[in-house]
Amino acid sequence: MNTMIAAYPLTTIVVVFSLFVYIWVAMKVGAARAKHNVQAPSVSGPDEFLRVFRVHMNTLEQAVIFIPAIALFASAWGDLPAAIVGIFWPVGRVVYAIRYYKAAERRGLGFGISFLSSVVLLLGGLAGAVAVLTQKI
């Protein structure tokens, strides 16, 4: 079996965990809609709703970078290094969410943790591609 799961089981677990974090923040939006009576498709409401909504949207925005970046990094540097760097993304997103739910100005730490993880993964993927190209020259 030569699949991503077989080749990169730890990276796969990190990606799955990250998607569970995304599902969690998405479900929080549904609960906040009910609690604050914000009917779809409206995305405006009290600050408590807006914070929950922004956590969901920002997590989606960041996942678009994280998921391909961890796959690229894993293919360049291996499963364990990708999983070690990648685990900081979902952990950072949970910290981001919990702190942002309480007060928007507290979101920085979690954002920084997850964003740094994405940047390291993305740069690592780029470095791996450059290394392959320079070996072929």
N, C-alpha and C. Protein backbone atom coordinates (compact mmCIF):
# COMPACT_ATOMS: atom_id res chain seq x y z
N MET A 1 0.85 -1.17 0.00
CA MET A 1 0.00 0.00 0.00
C MET A 1 0.90 1.25 0.00
N ASN A 2 0.92 1.96 -1.09
CA ASN A 2 1.74 3.16 -1.21
C ASN A 2 0.82 4.38 -1.25
N THR A 3 0.29 4.72 -0.11
CA THR A 3 -0.62 5.86 -0.01
C THR A 3 -0.04 6.88 0.95
N MET A 4 -0.67 8.02 1.00
CA MET A 4 -0.22 9.04 1.96
C MET A 4 -0.29 8.51 3.39
N ILE A 5 -1.36 7.78 3.69
CA ILE A 5 -1.51 7.27 5.05
C ILE A 5 -0.39 6.29 5.39
N ALA A 6 -0.04 5.43 4.46
CA ALA A 6 1.02 4.45 4.72
C ALA A 6 2.38 5.13 4.81
N ALA A 7 2.62 6.12 3.94
CA ALA A 7 3.92 6.79 3.91
C ALA A 7 4.08 7.81 5.03
N TYR A 8 2.98 8.44 5.42
CA TYR A 8 3.03 9.54 6.39
C TYR A 8 1.93 9.38 7.45
N PRO A 9 1.98 8.33 8.24
CA PRO A 9 0.89 8.12 9.21
C PRO A 9 0.82 9.19 10.29
N LEU A 10 1.96 9.67 10.77
CA LEU A 10 1.94 10.71 11.81
C LEU A 10 1.42 12.03 11.26
N THR A 11 1.85 12.37 10.06
CA THR A 11 1.35 13.58 9.41
C THR A 11 -0.15 13.48 9.19
N THR A 12 -0.61 12.31 8.78
CA THR A 12 -2.05 12.10 8.59
C THR A 12 -2.81 12.32 9.88
N ILE A 13 -2.29 11.81 10.98
CA ILE A 13 -2.95 12.00 12.28
C ILE A 13 -3.02 13.49 12.63
N VAL A 14 -1.96 14.23 12.38
CA VAL A 14 -1.96 15.67 12.66
C VAL A 14 -3.00 16.37 11.78
N VAL A 15 -3.09 16.00 10.52
CA VAL A 15 -4.08 16.61 9.62
C VAL A 15 -5.50 16.28 10.09
N VAL A 16 -5.73 15.03 10.47
CA VAL A 16 -7.06 14.64 10.96
C VAL A 16 -7.39 15.41 12.24
N PHE A 17 -6.45 15.50 13.16
CA PHE A 17 -6.67 16.26 14.38
C PHE A 17 -7.00 17.72 14.04
N SER A 18 -6.30 18.28 13.07
CA SER A 18 -6.55 19.66 12.64
C SER A 18 -7.94 19.81 12.08
N LEU A 19 -8.40 18.83 11.31
CA LEU A 19 -9.75 18.89 10.76
C LEU A 19 -10.80 18.75 11.86
N PHE A 20 -10.51 17.96 12.89
CA PHE A 20 -11.43 17.89 14.03
C PHE A 20 -11.51 19.24 14.75
N VAL A 21 -10.39 19.94 14.86
CA VAL A 21 -10.41 21.29 15.45
C VAL A 21 -11.30 22.19 14.60
N TYR A 22 -11.17 22.08 13.28
CA TYR A 22 -12.02 22.88 12.39
C TYR A 22 -13.50 22.55 12.58
N ILE A 23 -13.82 21.27 12.69
CA ILE A 23 -15.22 20.88 12.91
C ILE A 23 -15.72 21.45 14.24
N TRP A 24 -14.88 21.40 15.26
CA TRP A 24 -15.25 21.95 16.58
C TRP A 24 -15.60 23.43 16.48
N VAL A 25 -14.73 24.23 15.81
CA VAL A 25 -15.02 25.67 15.73
C VAL A 25 -16.23 25.93 14.84
N ALA A 26 -16.46 25.09 13.84
CA ALA A 26 -17.65 25.24 12.99
C ALA A 26 -18.92 24.98 13.79
N MET A 27 -18.89 23.94 14.62
CA MET A 27 -20.06 23.63 15.44
C MET A 27 -20.34 24.72 16.47
N LYS A 28 -19.28 25.37 16.93
CA LYS A 28 -19.46 26.49 17.87
C LYS A 28 -20.25 27.62 17.21
N VAL A 29 -20.07 27.81 15.89
CA VAL A 29 -20.83 28.85 15.18
C VAL A 29 -22.32 28.51 15.19
N GLY A 30 -22.64 27.27 14.92
CA GLY A 30 -24.05 26.86 14.95
C GLY A 30 -24.67 27.08 16.32
N ALA A 31 -23.94 26.73 17.36
CA ALA A 31 -24.44 26.93 18.72
C ALA A 31 -24.59 28.42 19.03
N ALA A 32 -23.63 29.22 18.56
CA ALA A 32 -23.69 30.66 18.81
C ALA A 32 -24.86 31.30 18.03
N ARG A 33 -25.14 30.79 16.83
CA ARG A 33 -26.29 31.29 16.08
C ARG A 33 -27.57 31.07 16.87
N ALA A 34 -27.72 29.87 17.42
CA ALA A 34 -28.91 29.56 18.20
C ALA A 34 -28.97 30.40 19.48
N LYS A 35 -27.87 30.49 20.17
CA LYS A 35 -27.82 31.23 21.44
C LYS A 35 -28.14 32.71 21.25
N HIS A 36 -27.62 33.32 20.17
CA HIS A 36 -27.77 34.75 19.96
C HIS A 36 -28.82 35.09 18.90
N ASN A 37 -29.56 34.08 18.46
CA ASN A 37 -30.63 34.25 17.48
C ASN A 37 -30.14 34.97 16.21
N VAL A 38 -29.03 34.51 15.68
CA VAL A 38 -28.49 35.04 14.44
C VAL A 38 -28.85 34.05 13.34
N GLN A 39 -29.82 34.44 12.52
CA GLN A 39 -30.33 33.56 11.48
C GLN A 39 -29.44 33.61 10.24
N ALA A 40 -29.18 32.44 9.66
CA ALA A 40 -28.43 32.38 8.40
C ALA A 40 -29.24 33.07 7.31
N PRO A 41 -28.65 33.80 6.42
CA PRO A 41 -27.23 33.89 6.14
C PRO A 41 -26.54 35.05 6.87
N SER A 42 -27.19 35.67 7.81
CA SER A 42 -26.59 36.81 8.50
C SER A 42 -25.32 36.39 9.24
N VAL A 43 -24.32 37.27 9.20
CA VAL A 43 -23.09 37.04 9.95
C VAL A 43 -22.82 38.19 10.90
N SER A 44 -23.85 38.94 11.20
CA SER A 44 -23.69 40.03 12.17
C SER A 44 -24.57 39.73 13.37
N GLY A 45 -24.09 40.17 14.51
CA GLY A 45 -24.79 39.93 15.75
C GLY A 45 -23.98 40.53 16.88
N PRO A 46 -24.23 40.11 18.10
CA PRO A 46 -23.48 40.63 19.23
C PRO A 46 -22.01 40.20 19.16
N ASP A 47 -21.17 40.90 19.89
CA ASP A 47 -19.73 40.60 19.87
C ASP A 47 -19.43 39.14 20.19
N GLU A 48 -20.19 38.53 21.08
CA GLU A 48 -19.94 37.13 21.44
C GLU A 48 -20.10 36.24 20.20
N PHE A 49 -21.12 36.50 19.40
CA PHE A 49 -21.30 35.74 18.16
C PHE A 49 -20.19 36.04 17.17
N LEU A 50 -19.86 37.31 17.02
CA LEU A 50 -18.84 37.69 16.03
C LEU A 50 -17.49 37.07 16.34
N ARG A 51 -17.14 36.96 17.60
CA ARG A 51 -15.86 36.32 17.95
C ARG A 51 -15.86 34.85 17.56
N VAL A 52 -16.96 34.15 17.82
CA VAL A 52 -17.06 32.74 17.45
C VAL A 52 -17.00 32.59 15.93
N PHE A 53 -17.69 33.46 15.23
CA PHE A 53 -17.70 33.42 13.77
C PHE A 53 -16.30 33.69 13.20
N ARG A 54 -15.60 34.67 13.75
CA ARG A 54 -14.26 35.00 13.25
C ARG A 54 -13.27 33.87 13.53
N VAL A 55 -13.38 33.19 14.66
CA VAL A 55 -12.51 32.05 14.93
C VAL A 55 -12.70 31.01 13.83
N HIS A 56 -13.95 30.73 13.50
CA HIS A 56 -14.25 29.76 12.45
C HIS A 56 -13.67 30.19 11.11
N MET A 57 -13.91 31.42 10.72
CA MET A 57 -13.43 31.89 9.42
C MET A 57 -11.91 31.96 9.37
N ASN A 58 -11.28 32.44 10.45
CA ASN A 58 -9.83 32.53 10.45
C ASN A 58 -9.20 31.14 10.42
N THR A 59 -9.81 30.18 11.09
CA THR A 59 -9.30 28.81 11.05
C THR A 59 -9.38 28.26 9.64
N LEU A 60 -10.46 28.52 8.95
CA LEU A 60 -10.59 28.10 7.55
C LEU A 60 -9.54 28.78 6.68
N GLU A 61 -9.36 30.07 6.87
CA GLU A 61 -8.36 30.82 6.10
C GLU A 61 -6.96 30.26 6.31
N GLN A 62 -6.64 29.91 7.52
CA GLN A 62 -5.31 29.38 7.84
C GLN A 62 -5.14 27.93 7.39
N ALA A 63 -6.22 27.16 7.39
CA ALA A 63 -6.15 25.75 6.96
C ALA A 63 -5.76 25.64 5.49
N VAL A 64 -6.15 26.63 4.70
CA VAL A 64 -5.82 26.63 3.28
C VAL A 64 -4.30 26.67 3.08
N ILE A 65 -3.60 27.27 3.99
CA ILE A 65 -2.13 27.32 3.93
C ILE A 65 -1.55 26.07 4.59
N PHE A 66 -2.06 25.73 5.76
CA PHE A 66 -1.48 24.65 6.56
C PHE A 66 -1.53 23.28 5.89
N ILE A 67 -2.66 22.89 5.36
CA ILE A 67 -2.81 21.52 4.86
C ILE A 67 -1.86 21.22 3.69
N PRO A 68 -1.80 22.06 2.65
CA PRO A 68 -0.81 21.74 1.62
C PRO A 68 0.63 21.89 2.13
N ALA A 69 0.86 22.83 3.04
CA ALA A 69 2.22 23.04 3.54
C ALA A 69 2.73 21.82 4.30
N ILE A 70 1.90 21.20 5.12
CA ILE A 70 2.36 20.02 5.87
C ILE A 70 2.60 18.85 4.92
N ALA A 71 1.78 18.73 3.88
CA ALA A 71 1.99 17.66 2.90
C ALA A 71 3.31 17.86 2.15
N LEU A 72 3.60 19.09 1.75
CA LEU A 72 4.85 19.39 1.05
C LEU A 72 6.05 19.13 1.96
N PHE A 73 5.95 19.58 3.20
CA PHE A 73 7.05 19.39 4.16
C PHE A 73 7.30 17.90 4.39
N ALA A 74 6.23 17.14 4.58
CA ALA A 74 6.38 15.70 4.83
C ALA A 74 7.05 15.01 3.65
N SER A 75 6.69 15.41 2.44
CA SER A 75 7.30 14.77 1.28
C SER A 75 8.78 15.15 1.14
N ALA A 76 9.16 16.30 1.66
CA ALA A 76 10.55 16.74 1.57
C ALA A 76 11.41 16.23 2.72
N TRP A 77 10.87 16.24 3.93
CA TRP A 77 11.71 15.98 5.11
C TRP A 77 11.28 14.77 5.93
N GLY A 78 10.16 14.18 5.59
CA GLY A 78 9.74 12.97 6.28
C GLY A 78 8.56 13.16 7.21
N ASP A 79 8.02 12.04 7.64
CA ASP A 79 6.80 12.00 8.43
C ASP A 79 6.96 12.59 9.83
N LEU A 80 7.96 12.12 10.56
CA LEU A 80 8.13 12.58 11.94
C LEU A 80 8.42 14.08 12.03
N PRO A 81 9.35 14.62 11.24
CA PRO A 81 9.57 16.07 11.32
C PRO A 81 8.31 16.88 10.96
N ALA A 82 7.57 16.43 9.96
CA ALA A 82 6.34 17.15 9.58
C ALA A 82 5.33 17.11 10.71
N ALA A 83 5.18 15.97 11.34
CA ALA A 83 4.23 15.85 12.44
C ALA A 83 4.64 16.70 13.63
N ILE A 84 5.93 16.74 13.92
CA ILE A 84 6.41 17.54 15.05
C ILE A 84 6.14 19.02 14.82
N VAL A 85 6.46 19.51 13.65
CA VAL A 85 6.20 20.93 13.35
C VAL A 85 4.70 21.16 13.21
N GLY A 86 4.02 20.23 12.56
CA GLY A 86 2.60 20.40 12.26
C GLY A 86 1.69 20.37 13.46
N ILE A 87 2.04 19.64 14.51
CA ILE A 87 1.15 19.53 15.67
C ILE A 87 0.92 20.89 16.33
N PHE A 88 1.84 21.81 16.12
CA PHE A 88 1.66 23.14 16.70
C PHE A 88 0.50 23.90 16.07
N TRP A 89 0.13 23.54 14.84
CA TRP A 89 -0.98 24.25 14.18
C TRP A 89 -2.30 24.00 14.90
N PRO A 90 -2.75 22.75 15.07
CA PRO A 90 -4.03 22.58 15.76
C PRO A 90 -3.98 23.02 17.23
N VAL A 91 -2.85 22.82 17.87
CA VAL A 91 -2.72 23.28 19.26
C VAL A 91 -2.87 24.81 19.30
N GLY A 92 -2.18 25.48 18.39
CA GLY A 92 -2.30 26.94 18.31
C GLY A 92 -3.72 27.39 18.01
N ARG A 93 -4.42 26.65 17.14
CA ARG A 93 -5.80 27.03 16.80
C ARG A 93 -6.72 26.89 18.02
N VAL A 94 -6.50 25.86 18.84
CA VAL A 94 -7.31 25.70 20.05
C VAL A 94 -7.03 26.85 21.01
N VAL A 95 -5.75 27.18 21.21
CA VAL A 95 -5.39 28.32 22.07
C VAL A 95 -6.02 29.59 21.51
N TYR A 96 -5.90 29.79 20.21
CA TYR A 96 -6.49 30.96 19.54
C TYR A 96 -7.99 31.03 19.83
N ALA A 97 -8.69 29.92 19.62
CA ALA A 97 -10.14 29.92 19.80
C ALA A 97 -10.53 30.23 21.23
N ILE A 98 -9.94 29.54 22.18
CA ILE A 98 -10.32 29.73 23.58
C ILE A 98 -10.08 31.17 24.02
N ARG A 99 -8.95 31.71 23.62
CA ARG A 99 -8.63 33.09 24.02
C ARG A 99 -9.49 34.11 23.27
N TYR A 100 -9.74 33.87 22.00
CA TYR A 100 -10.55 34.80 21.20
C TYR A 100 -12.00 34.79 21.68
N TYR A 101 -12.51 33.62 22.06
CA TYR A 101 -13.89 33.56 22.57
C TYR A 101 -14.08 34.46 23.78
N LYS A 102 -13.03 34.59 24.58
CA LYS A 102 -13.13 35.44 25.77
C LYS A 102 -12.97 36.92 25.44
N ALA A 103 -12.00 37.24 24.58
CA ALA A 103 -11.73 38.64 24.22
C ALA A 103 -10.87 38.66 22.96
N ALA A 104 -11.29 39.42 21.98
CA ALA A 104 -10.60 39.45 20.69
C ALA A 104 -9.12 39.81 20.83
N GLU A 105 -8.80 40.69 21.73
CA GLU A 105 -7.41 41.13 21.87
C GLU A 105 -6.50 40.06 22.46
N ARG A 106 -7.05 38.95 22.91
CA ARG A 106 -6.25 37.86 23.49
C ARG A 106 -5.88 36.79 22.48
N ARG A 107 -6.22 36.97 21.22
CA ARG A 107 -6.03 35.93 20.21
C ARG A 107 -4.60 35.78 19.73
N GLY A 108 -3.73 36.72 19.99
CA GLY A 108 -2.40 36.77 19.40
C GLY A 108 -1.53 35.54 19.63
N LEU A 109 -1.48 35.02 20.84
CA LEU A 109 -0.62 33.88 21.15
C LEU A 109 -0.97 32.67 20.29
N GLY A 110 -2.23 32.31 20.27
CA GLY A 110 -2.67 31.15 19.48
C GLY A 110 -2.45 31.36 18.00
N PHE A 111 -2.72 32.58 17.53
CA PHE A 111 -2.48 32.88 16.12
C PHE A 111 -1.00 32.71 15.80
N GLY A 112 -0.15 33.26 16.66
CA GLY A 112 1.29 33.19 16.43
C GLY A 112 1.80 31.75 16.38
N ILE A 113 1.33 30.91 17.29
CA ILE A 113 1.76 29.51 17.32
C ILE A 113 1.38 28.81 16.02
N SER A 114 0.13 28.94 15.62
CA SER A 114 -0.32 28.23 14.42
C SER A 114 0.27 28.83 13.15
N PHE A 115 0.38 30.13 13.09
CA PHE A 115 0.94 30.77 11.90
C PHE A 115 2.42 30.42 11.73
N LEU A 116 3.17 30.41 12.81
CA LEU A 116 4.58 30.04 12.74
C LEU A 116 4.74 28.60 12.25
N SER A 117 3.90 27.71 12.73
CA SER A 117 3.93 26.33 12.26
C SER A 117 3.72 26.28 10.74
N SER A 118 2.74 27.00 10.24
CA SER A 118 2.47 27.02 8.80
C SER A 118 3.64 27.58 8.01
N VAL A 119 4.24 28.65 8.51
CA VAL A 119 5.37 29.26 7.80
C VAL A 119 6.57 28.31 7.74
N VAL A 120 6.87 27.65 8.86
CA VAL A 120 7.97 26.70 8.88
C VAL A 120 7.69 25.55 7.89
N LEU A 121 6.47 25.05 7.90
CA LEU A 121 6.11 23.97 6.97
C LEU A 121 6.22 24.42 5.53
N LEU A 122 5.73 25.60 5.25
CA LEU A 122 5.76 26.11 3.87
C LEU A 122 7.19 26.35 3.40
N LEU A 123 7.99 26.98 4.23
CA LEU A 123 9.40 27.21 3.87
C LEU A 123 10.17 25.90 3.75
N GLY A 124 9.84 24.94 4.60
CA GLY A 124 10.47 23.63 4.52
C GLY A 124 10.12 22.92 3.23
N GLY A 125 8.88 23.03 2.80
CA GLY A 125 8.48 22.46 1.52
C GLY A 125 9.22 23.11 0.37
N LEU A 126 9.35 24.43 0.42
CA LEU A 126 10.09 25.16 -0.61
C LEU A 126 11.56 24.75 -0.60
N ALA A 127 12.14 24.66 0.57
CA ALA A 127 13.55 24.26 0.67
C ALA A 127 13.76 22.85 0.11
N GLY A 128 12.82 21.96 0.36
CA GLY A 128 12.91 20.62 -0.20
C GLY A 128 12.87 20.63 -1.72
N ALA A 129 12.00 21.44 -2.28
CA ALA A 129 11.90 21.54 -3.74
C ALA A 129 13.18 22.13 -4.34
N VAL A 130 13.70 23.17 -3.69
CA VAL A 130 14.95 23.79 -4.17
C VAL A 130 16.09 22.79 -4.09
N ALA A 131 16.14 22.00 -3.02
CA ALA A 131 17.20 20.99 -2.87
C ALA A 131 17.13 19.97 -4.01
N VAL A 132 15.92 19.55 -4.35
CA VAL A 132 15.77 18.60 -5.47
C VAL A 132 16.23 19.24 -6.77
N LEU A 133 15.84 20.48 -7.01
CA LEU A 133 16.21 21.16 -8.24
C LEU A 133 17.72 21.36 -8.36
N THR A 134 18.36 21.71 -7.26
CA THR A 134 19.80 21.96 -7.31
C THR A 134 20.59 20.68 -7.51
N GLN A 135 20.04 19.55 -7.09
CA GLN A 135 20.71 18.27 -7.32
C GLN A 135 20.63 17.86 -8.79
N LYS A 136 19.63 18.37 -9.49
CA LYS A 136 19.44 18.00 -10.90
C LYS A 136 20.22 18.91 -11.84
N ILE A 137 20.76 19.99 -11.31
CA ILE A 137 21.48 20.93 -12.17
C ILE A 137 22.92 20.51 -12.34
